């Protein structure tokens, strides 16, 4: 589906492969990344909806300072939480 959408619009398209029972999502991943020249689809990991959302936010932040500021705060908060984990 991501390839169909990408073929119809000049806007960025992000494909999110879903885990499947037959191949664990590899079939979904390959159907998204194997696009012909001229039909680009950004693709994240199988089940990577959160990273797809963050990628979209990063794209939007390029032209919206308020989104860029909130993204920076989110990244800083995530870094703090990860740094505080005791190993």
PDB file of N, CA and C in Angstrom:
ATOM      1  N   UNK A   1       0.816  -1.196   0.000  1.00  0.00           N
ATOM      2  CA  UNK A   1       0.000   0.000   0.000  1.00  0.00           C
ATOM      3  C   UNK A   1       0.861   1.262   0.000  1.00  0.00           C
ATOM      4  N   UNK A   2       1.990   1.237   0.723  1.00  0.00           N
ATOM      5  CA  UNK A   2       2.850   2.427   0.762  1.00  0.00           C
ATOM      6  C   UNK A   2       3.354   2.788  -0.632  1.00  0.00           C
ATOM      7  N   UNK A   3       3.679   1.790  -1.432  1.00  0.00           N
ATOM      8  CA  UNK A   3       4.152   2.044  -2.786  1.00  0.00           C
ATOM      9  C   UNK A   3       3.082   2.658  -3.670  1.00  0.00           C
ATOM     10  N   UNK A   4       1.844   2.228  -3.499  1.00  0.00           N
ATOM     11  CA  UNK A   4       0.731   2.792  -4.268  1.00  0.00           C
ATOM     12  C   UNK A   4       0.559   4.264  -3.911  1.00  0.00           C
ATOM     13  N   UNK A   5       0.595   4.553  -2.612  1.00  0.00           N
ATOM     14  CA  UNK A   5       0.456   5.940  -2.161  1.00  0.00           C
ATOM     15  C   UNK A   5       1.614   6.779  -2.693  1.00  0.00           C
ATOM     16  N   UNK A   6       2.844   6.252  -2.582  1.00  0.00           N
ATOM     17  CA  UNK A   6       4.025   6.997  -3.039  1.00  0.00           C
ATOM     18  C   UNK A   6       3.971   7.276  -4.540  1.00  0.00           C
ATOM     19  N   UNK A   7       3.373   6.376  -5.298  1.00  0.00           N
ATOM     20  CA  UNK A   7       3.273   6.574  -6.744  1.00  0.00           C
ATOM     21  C   UNK A   7       2.265   7.666  -7.099  1.00  0.00           C
ATOM     22  N   UNK A   8       1.364   7.966  -6.179  1.00  0.00           N
ATOM     23  CA  UNK A   8       0.286   8.925  -6.454  1.00  0.00           C
ATOM     24  C   UNK A   8       0.529  10.319  -5.884  1.00  0.00           C
ATOM     25  N   UNK A   9       1.574  10.496  -5.060  1.00  0.00           N
ATOM     26  CA  UNK A   9       1.789  11.792  -4.411  1.00  0.00           C
ATOM     27  C   UNK A   9       3.262  12.178  -4.422  1.00  0.00           C
ATOM     28  N   UNK A  10       3.555  13.473  -4.474  1.00  0.00           N
ATOM     29  CA  UNK A  10       4.946  13.918  -4.354  1.00  0.00           C
ATOM     30  C   UNK A  10       5.373  14.066  -2.890  1.00  0.00           C
ATOM     31  N   UNK A  11       4.447  13.855  -1.963  1.00  0.00           N
ATOM     32  CA  UNK A  11       4.757  13.996  -0.538  1.00  0.00           C
ATOM     33  C   UNK A  11       5.528  12.782  -0.025  1.00  0.00           C
ATOM     34  N   UNK A  12       6.269  12.940   1.080  1.00  0.00           N
ATOM     35  CA  UNK A  12       6.976  11.791   1.655  1.00  0.00           C
ATOM     36  C   UNK A  12       5.986  10.723   2.130  1.00  0.00           C
ATOM     37  N   UNK A  13       6.350   9.482   1.932  1.00  0.00           N
ATOM     38  CA  UNK A  13       5.543   8.350   2.393  1.00  0.00           C
ATOM     39  C   UNK A  13       6.434   7.479   3.266  1.00  0.00           C
ATOM     40  N   UNK A  14       5.912   7.092   4.416  1.00  0.00           N
ATOM     41  CA  UNK A  14       6.641   6.224   5.337  1.00  0.00           C
ATOM     42  C   UNK A  14       5.905   4.894   5.403  1.00  0.00           C
ATOM     43  N   UNK A  15       6.603   3.822   5.067  1.00  0.00           N
ATOM     44  CA  UNK A  15       6.019   2.485   5.125  1.00  0.00           C
ATOM     45  C   UNK A  15       6.374   1.812   6.437  1.00  0.00           C
ATOM     46  N   UNK A  16       5.373   1.194   7.057  1.00  0.00           N
ATOM     47  CA  UNK A  16       5.577   0.468   8.317  1.00  0.00           C
ATOM     48  C   UNK A  16       5.201  -0.993   8.081  1.00  0.00           C
ATOM     49  N   UNK A  17       6.193  -1.861   7.916  1.00  0.00           N
ATOM     50  CA  UNK A  17       5.878  -3.272   7.732  1.00  0.00           C
ATOM     51  C   UNK A  17       5.297  -3.860   9.023  1.00  0.00           C
ATOM     52  N   UNK A  18       4.298  -4.712   8.862  1.00  0.00           N
ATOM     53  CA  UNK A  18       3.679  -5.325  10.040  1.00  0.00           C
ATOM     54  C   UNK A  18       4.116  -6.780  10.153  1.00  0.00           C
ATOM     55  N   UNK A  19       4.170  -7.254  11.395  1.00  0.00           N
ATOM     56  CA  UNK A  19       4.532  -8.650  11.646  1.00  0.00           C
ATOM     57  C   UNK A  19       3.416  -9.539  11.100  1.00  0.00           C
ATOM     58  N   UNK A  20       3.815 -10.579  10.380  1.00  0.00           N
ATOM     59  CA  UNK A  20       2.850 -11.530   9.836  1.00  0.00           C
ATOM     60  C   UNK A  20       3.140 -12.917  10.384  1.00  0.00           C
ATOM     61  N   UNK A  21       2.161 -13.794  10.306  1.00  0.00           N
ATOM     62  CA  UNK A  21       2.348 -15.148  10.833  1.00  0.00           C
ATOM     63  C   UNK A  21       3.225 -16.004   9.933  1.00  0.00           C
ATOM     64  N   UNK A  22       3.146 -15.775   8.634  1.00  0.00           N
ATOM     65  CA  UNK A  22       3.866 -16.665   7.726  1.00  0.00           C
ATOM     66  C   UNK A  22       5.369 -16.415   7.688  1.00  0.00           C
ATOM     67  N   UNK A  23       5.772 -15.147   7.660  1.00  0.00           N
ATOM     68  CA  UNK A  23       7.204 -14.851   7.543  1.00  0.00           C
ATOM     69  C   UNK A  23       7.683 -13.863   8.600  1.00  0.00           C
ATOM     70  N   UNK A  24       6.892 -13.640   9.615  1.00  0.00           N
ATOM     71  CA  UNK A  24       7.298 -12.746  10.691  1.00  0.00           C
ATOM     72  C   UNK A  24       7.390 -11.283  10.291  1.00  0.00           C
ATOM     73  N   UNK A  25       6.874 -10.946   9.130  1.00  0.00           N
ATOM     74  CA  UNK A  25       6.902  -9.562   8.669  1.00  0.00           C
ATOM     75  C   UNK A  25       7.891  -9.308   7.548  1.00  0.00           C
ATOM     76  N   UNK A  26       8.739 -10.289   7.259  1.00  0.00           N
ATOM     77  CA  UNK A  26       9.720 -10.108   6.186  1.00  0.00           C
ATOM     78  C   UNK A  26       9.019  -9.867   4.847  1.00  0.00           C
ATOM     79  N   UNK A  27       7.918 -10.565   4.616  1.00  0.00           N
ATOM     80  CA  UNK A  27       7.160 -10.362   3.383  1.00  0.00           C
ATOM     81  C   UNK A  27       6.633  -8.932   3.296  1.00  0.00           C
ATOM     82  N   UNK A  28       6.161  -8.421   4.416  1.00  0.00           N
ATOM     83  CA  UNK A  28       5.665  -7.043   4.471  1.00  0.00           C
ATOM     84  C   UNK A  28       6.802  -6.052   4.228  1.00  0.00           C
ATOM     85  N   UNK A  29       7.946  -6.296   4.862  1.00  0.00           N
ATOM     86  CA  UNK A  29       9.110  -5.425   4.693  1.00  0.00           C
ATOM     87  C   UNK A  29       9.556  -5.382   3.233  1.00  0.00           C
ATOM     88  N   UNK A  30       9.682  -6.544   2.626  1.00  0.00           N
ATOM     89  CA  UNK A  30      10.153  -6.596   1.239  1.00  0.00           C
ATOM     90  C   UNK A  30       9.179  -5.935   0.275  1.00  0.00           C
ATOM     91  N   UNK A  31       7.881  -6.036   0.554  1.00  0.00           N
ATOM     92  CA  UNK A  31       6.908  -5.411  -0.348  1.00  0.00           C
ATOM     93  C   UNK A  31       6.973  -3.890  -0.277  1.00  0.00           C
ATOM     94  N   UNK A  32       7.519  -3.362   0.809  1.00  0.00           N
ATOM     95  CA  UNK A  32       7.635  -1.908   0.948  1.00  0.00           C
ATOM     96  C   UNK A  32       8.961  -1.397   0.385  1.00  0.00           C
ATOM     97  N   UNK A  33      10.041  -2.100   0.654  1.00  0.00           N
ATOM     98  CA  UNK A  33      11.353  -1.578   0.242  1.00  0.00           C
ATOM     99  C   UNK A  33      11.671  -1.826  -1.231  1.00  0.00           C
ATOM    100  N   UNK A  34      11.019  -2.775  -1.862  1.00  0.00           N
ATOM    101  CA  UNK A  34      11.305  -3.095  -3.262  1.00  0.00           C
ATOM    102  C   UNK A  34      10.451  -2.250  -4.198  1.00  0.00           C
ATOM    103  N   UNK A  35      10.708  -0.954  -4.203  1.00  0.00           N
ATOM    104  CA  UNK A  35       9.970  -0.032  -5.060  1.00  0.00           C
ATOM    105  C   UNK A  35      10.799   0.283  -6.303  1.00  0.00           C
ATOM    106  N   UNK A  36      10.140   0.516  -7.423  1.00  0.00           N
ATOM    107  CA  UNK A  36      10.882   0.884  -8.631  1.00  0.00           C
ATOM    108  C   UNK A  36      11.475   2.289  -8.501  1.00  0.00           C
ATOM    109  N   UNK A  37      12.456   2.578  -9.320  1.00  0.00           N
ATOM    110  CA  UNK A  37      13.061   3.912  -9.333  1.00  0.00           C
ATOM    111  C   UNK A  37      11.974   4.955  -9.545  1.00  0.00           C
ATOM    112  N   UNK A  38      12.051   6.022  -8.787  1.00  0.00           N
ATOM    113  CA  UNK A  38      11.083   7.099  -8.910  1.00  0.00           C
ATOM    114  C   UNK A  38       9.901   6.985  -7.967  1.00  0.00           C
ATOM    115  N   UNK A  39       9.846   5.888  -7.191  1.00  0.00           N
ATOM    116  CA  UNK A  39       8.766   5.706  -6.217  1.00  0.00           C
ATOM    117  C   UNK A  39       9.405   5.468  -4.846  1.00  0.00           C
ATOM    118  N   UNK A  40       9.955   6.534  -4.242  1.00  0.00           N
ATOM    119  CA  UNK A  40      10.633   6.360  -2.960  1.00  0.00           C
ATOM    120  C   UNK A  40       9.648   6.188  -1.803  1.00  0.00           C
ATOM    121  N   UNK A  41       9.978   5.254  -0.920  1.00  0.00           N
ATOM    122  CA  UNK A  41       9.207   5.047   0.307  1.00  0.00           C
ATOM    123  C   UNK A  41      10.208   4.924   1.450  1.00  0.00           C
ATOM    124  N   UNK A  42      10.109   5.817   2.426  1.00  0.00           N
ATOM    125  CA  UNK A  42      10.923   5.667   3.635  1.00  0.00           C
ATOM    126  C   UNK A  42      10.349   4.475   4.393  1.00  0.00           C
ATOM    127  N   UNK A  43      11.204   3.612   4.892  1.00  0.00           N
ATOM    128  CA  UNK A  43      10.734   2.396   5.548  1.00  0.00           C
ATOM    129  C   UNK A  43      11.405   2.253   6.903  1.00  0.00           C
ATOM    130  N   UNK A  44      10.622   1.867   7.895  1.00  0.00           N
ATOM    131  CA  UNK A  44      11.143   1.622   9.235  1.00  0.00           C
ATOM    132  C   UNK A  44      11.097   0.119   9.503  1.00  0.00           C
ATOM    133  N   UNK A  45      11.530  -0.289  10.666  1.00  0.00           N
ATOM    134  CA  UNK A  45      11.591  -1.703  11.020  1.00  0.00           C
ATOM    135  C   UNK A  45      10.201  -2.333  11.097  1.00  0.00           C
ATOM    136  N   UNK A  46      10.171  -3.636  11.044  1.00  0.00           N
ATOM    137  CA  UNK A  46       8.917  -4.371  11.209  1.00  0.00           C
ATOM    138  C   UNK A  46       8.322  -3.994  12.564  1.00  0.00           C
ATOM    139  N   UNK A  47       7.082  -3.539  12.544  1.00  0.00           N
ATOM    140  CA  UNK A  47       6.419  -3.105  13.774  1.00  0.00           C
ATOM    141  C   UNK A  47       6.923  -1.767  14.286  1.00  0.00           C
ATOM    142  N   UNK A  48       7.581  -1.000  13.442  1.00  0.00           N
ATOM    143  CA  UNK A  48       8.224   0.244  13.870  1.00  0.00           C
ATOM    144  C   UNK A  48       7.351   1.481  13.767  1.00  0.00           C
ATOM    145  N   UNK A  49       6.107   1.383  14.178  1.00  0.00           N
ATOM    146  CA  UNK A  49       5.192   2.526  14.060  1.00  0.00           C
ATOM    147  C   UNK A  49       5.670   3.735  14.865  1.00  0.00           C
ATOM    148  N   UNK A  50       6.259   3.492  16.031  1.00  0.00           N
ATOM    149  CA  UNK A  50       6.732   4.624  16.843  1.00  0.00           C
ATOM    150  C   UNK A  50       7.845   5.377  16.110  1.00  0.00           C
ATOM    151  N   UNK A  51       8.781   4.650  15.518  1.00  0.00           N
ATOM    152  CA  UNK A  51       9.845   5.318  14.763  1.00  0.00           C
ATOM    153  C   UNK A  51       9.299   5.996  13.512  1.00  0.00           C
ATOM    154  N   UNK A  52       8.263   5.432  12.907  1.00  0.00           N
ATOM    155  CA  UNK A  52       7.637   6.079  11.752  1.00  0.00           C
ATOM    156  C   UNK A  52       7.044   7.418  12.166  1.00  0.00           C
ATOM    157  N   UNK A  53       6.391   7.436  13.317  1.00  0.00           N
ATOM    158  CA  UNK A  53       5.812   8.688  13.814  1.00  0.00           C
ATOM    159  C   UNK A  53       6.905   9.708  14.099  1.00  0.00           C
ATOM    160  N   UNK A  54       7.992   9.264  14.721  1.00  0.00           N
ATOM    161  CA  UNK A  54       9.093  10.182  15.019  1.00  0.00           C
ATOM    162  C   UNK A  54       9.759  10.691  13.738  1.00  0.00           C
ATOM    163  N   UNK A  55       9.855   9.859  12.729  1.00  0.00           N
ATOM    164  CA  UNK A  55      10.404  10.298  11.446  1.00  0.00           C
ATOM    165  C   UNK A  55       9.511  11.366  10.822  1.00  0.00           C
ATOM    166  N   UNK A  56       8.206  11.158  10.889  1.00  0.00           N
ATOM    167  CA  UNK A  56       7.269  12.154  10.359  1.00  0.00           C
ATOM    168  C   UNK A  56       7.389  13.471  11.120  1.00  0.00           C
ATOM    169  N   UNK A  57       7.529  13.387  12.440  1.00  0.00           N
ATOM    170  CA  UNK A  57       7.681  14.599  13.252  1.00  0.00           C
ATOM    171  C   UNK A  57       8.968  15.324  12.877  1.00  0.00           C
ATOM    172  N   UNK A  58      10.041  14.583  12.648  1.00  0.00           N
ATOM    173  CA  UNK A  58      11.298  15.220  12.235  1.00  0.00           C
ATOM    174  C   UNK A  58      11.138  15.948  10.906  1.00  0.00           C
ATOM    175  N   UNK A  59      10.383  15.371   9.986  1.00  0.00           N
ATOM    176  CA  UNK A  59      10.133  16.038   8.701  1.00  0.00           C
ATOM    177  C   UNK A  59       9.340  17.322   8.914  1.00  0.00           C
ATOM    178  N   UNK A  60       8.309  17.249   9.728  1.00  0.00           N
ATOM    179  CA  UNK A  60       7.487  18.428  10.003  1.00  0.00           C
ATOM    180  C   UNK A  60       8.282  19.507  10.731  1.00  0.00           C
ATOM    181  N   UNK A  61       9.207  19.081  11.588  1.00  0.00           N
ATOM    182  CA  UNK A  61      10.005  20.029  12.370  1.00  0.00           C
ATOM    183  C   UNK A  61      10.918  20.881  11.490  1.00  0.00           C
ATOM    184  N   UNK A  62      11.185  20.441  10.286  1.00  0.00           N
ATOM    185  CA  UNK A  62      12.021  21.224   9.377  1.00  0.00           C
ATOM    186  C   UNK A  62      11.402  22.575   9.041  1.00  0.00           C
ATOM    187  N   UNK A  63      10.085  22.652   9.083  1.00  0.00           N
ATOM    188  CA  UNK A  63       9.422  23.903   8.705  1.00  0.00           C
ATOM    189  C   UNK A  63       8.504  24.454   9.791  1.00  0.00           C
ATOM    190  N   UNK A  64       8.579  23.893  10.998  1.00  0.00           N
ATOM    191  CA  UNK A  64       7.719  24.362  12.086  1.00  0.00           C
ATOM    192  C   UNK A  64       8.534  24.394  13.382  1.00  0.00           C
ATOM    193  N   UNK A  65       8.883  25.591  13.827  1.00  0.00           N
ATOM    194  CA  UNK A  65       9.748  25.731  14.997  1.00  0.00           C
ATOM    195  C   UNK A  65       9.101  25.180  16.262  1.00  0.00           C
ATOM    196  N   UNK A  66       7.795  25.319  16.407  1.00  0.00           N
ATOM    197  CA  UNK A  66       7.117  24.797  17.599  1.00  0.00           C
ATOM    198  C   UNK A  66       7.253  23.276  17.667  1.00  0.00           C
ATOM    199  N   UNK A  67       7.092  22.618  16.531  1.00  0.00           N
ATOM    200  CA  UNK A  67       7.272  21.164  16.499  1.00  0.00           C
ATOM    201  C   UNK A  67       8.730  20.819  16.766  1.00  0.00           C
ATOM    202  N   UNK A  68       9.648  21.585  16.203  1.00  0.00           N
ATOM    203  CA  UNK A  68      11.079  21.342  16.426  1.00  0.00           C
ATOM    204  C   UNK A  68      11.426  21.459  17.907  1.00  0.00           C
ATOM    205  N   UNK A  69      10.857  22.448  18.579  1.00  0.00           N
ATOM    206  CA  UNK A  69      11.128  22.631  20.008  1.00  0.00           C
ATOM    207  C   UNK A  69      10.586  21.460  20.825  1.00  0.00           C
ATOM    208  N   UNK A  70       9.380  21.017  20.502  1.00  0.00           N
ATOM    209  CA  UNK A  70       8.794  19.886  21.231  1.00  0.00           C
ATOM    210  C   UNK A  70       9.563  18.601  20.950  1.00  0.00           C
ATOM    211  N   UNK A  71      10.032  18.438  19.725  1.00  0.00           N
ATOM    212  CA  UNK A  71      10.832  17.265  19.384  1.00  0.00           C
ATOM    213  C   UNK A  71      12.134  17.273  20.165  1.00  0.00           C
ATOM    214  N   UNK A  72      12.797  18.426  20.230  1.00  0.00           N
ATOM    215  CA  UNK A  72      14.042  18.539  20.985  1.00  0.00           C
ATOM    216  C   UNK A  72      13.806  18.181  22.453  1.00  0.00           C
ATOM    217  N   UNK A  73      12.718  18.662  23.033  1.00  0.00           N
ATOM    218  CA  UNK A  73      12.389  18.350  24.426  1.00  0.00           C
ATOM    219  C   UNK A  73      12.152  16.848  24.598  1.00  0.00           C
ATOM    220  N   UNK A  74      11.470  16.238  23.648  1.00  0.00           N
ATOM    221  CA  UNK A  74      11.214  14.794  23.702  1.00  0.00           C
ATOM    222  C   UNK A  74      12.525  14.013  23.652  1.00  0.00           C
ATOM    223  N   UNK A  75      13.406  14.395  22.737  1.00  0.00           N
ATOM    224  CA  UNK A  75      14.695  13.712  22.599  1.00  0.00           C
ATOM    225  C   UNK A  75      15.528  13.882  23.862  1.00  0.00           C
ATOM    226  N   UNK A  76      15.560  15.093  24.413  1.00  0.00           N
ATOM    227  CA  UNK A  76      16.313  15.337  25.646  1.00  0.00           C
ATOM    228  C   UNK A  76      15.759  14.511  26.797  1.00  0.00           C
ATOM    229  N   UNK A  77      14.426  14.431  26.903  1.00  0.00           N
ATOM    230  CA  UNK A  77      13.792  13.643  27.957  1.00  0.00           C
ATOM    231  C   UNK A  77      14.118  12.163  27.794  1.00  0.00           C
ATOM    232  N   UNK A  78      14.072  11.670  26.571  1.00  0.00           N
ATOM    233  CA  UNK A  78      14.391  10.271  26.313  1.00  0.00           C
ATOM    234  C   UNK A  78      15.843   9.980  26.692  1.00  0.00           C
ATOM    235  N   UNK A  79      16.742  10.893  26.348  1.00  0.00           N
ATOM    236  CA  UNK A  79      18.154  10.723  26.687  1.00  0.00           C
ATOM    237  C   UNK A  79      18.339  10.675  28.206  1.00  0.00           C
ATOM    238  N   UNK A  80      17.636  11.551  28.921  1.00  0.00           N
ATOM    239  CA  UNK A  80      17.711  11.568  30.392  1.00  0.00           C
ATOM    240  C   UNK A  80      17.236  10.243  30.977  1.00  0.00           C
ATOM    241  N   UNK A  81      16.093   9.756  30.493  1.00  0.00           N
ATOM    242  CA  UNK A  81      15.544   8.503  31.016  1.00  0.00           C
ATOM    243  C   UNK A  81      16.489   7.335  30.753  1.00  0.00           C
ATOM    244  N   UNK A  82      17.079   7.290  29.580  1.00  0.00           N
ATOM    245  CA  UNK A  82      17.998   6.202  29.257  1.00  0.00           C
ATOM    246  C   UNK A  82      19.266   6.308  30.097  1.00  0.00           C
ATOM    247  N   UNK A  83      19.760   7.518  30.293  1.00  0.00           N
ATOM    248  CA  UNK A  83      20.983   7.721  31.080  1.00  0.00           C
ATOM    249  C   UNK A  83      20.797   7.349  32.541  1.00  0.00           C
ATOM    250  N   UNK A  84      19.568   7.428  33.026  1.00  0.00           N
ATOM    251  CA  UNK A  84      19.326   7.149  34.444  1.00  0.00           C
ATOM    252  C   UNK A  84      19.121   5.667  34.735  1.00  0.00           C
ATOM    253  N   UNK A  85      19.086   4.835  33.709  1.00  0.00           N
ATOM    254  CA  UNK A  85      18.890   3.399  33.913  1.00  0.00           C
ATOM    255  C   UNK A  85      20.159   2.798  34.502  1.00  0.00           C
ATOM    256  N   UNK A  86      19.993   2.084  35.593  1.00  0.00           N
ATOM    257  CA  UNK A  86      21.121   1.408  36.242  1.00  0.00           C
ATOM    258  C   UNK A  86      21.346   0.059  35.571  1.00  0.00           C
ATOM    259  N   UNK A  87      22.556  -0.164  35.108  1.00  0.00           N
ATOM    260  CA  UNK A  87      22.881  -1.433  34.448  1.00  0.00           C
ATOM    261  C   UNK A  87      23.559  -2.382  35.391  1.00  0.00           C
TER     262      UNK A  87
END
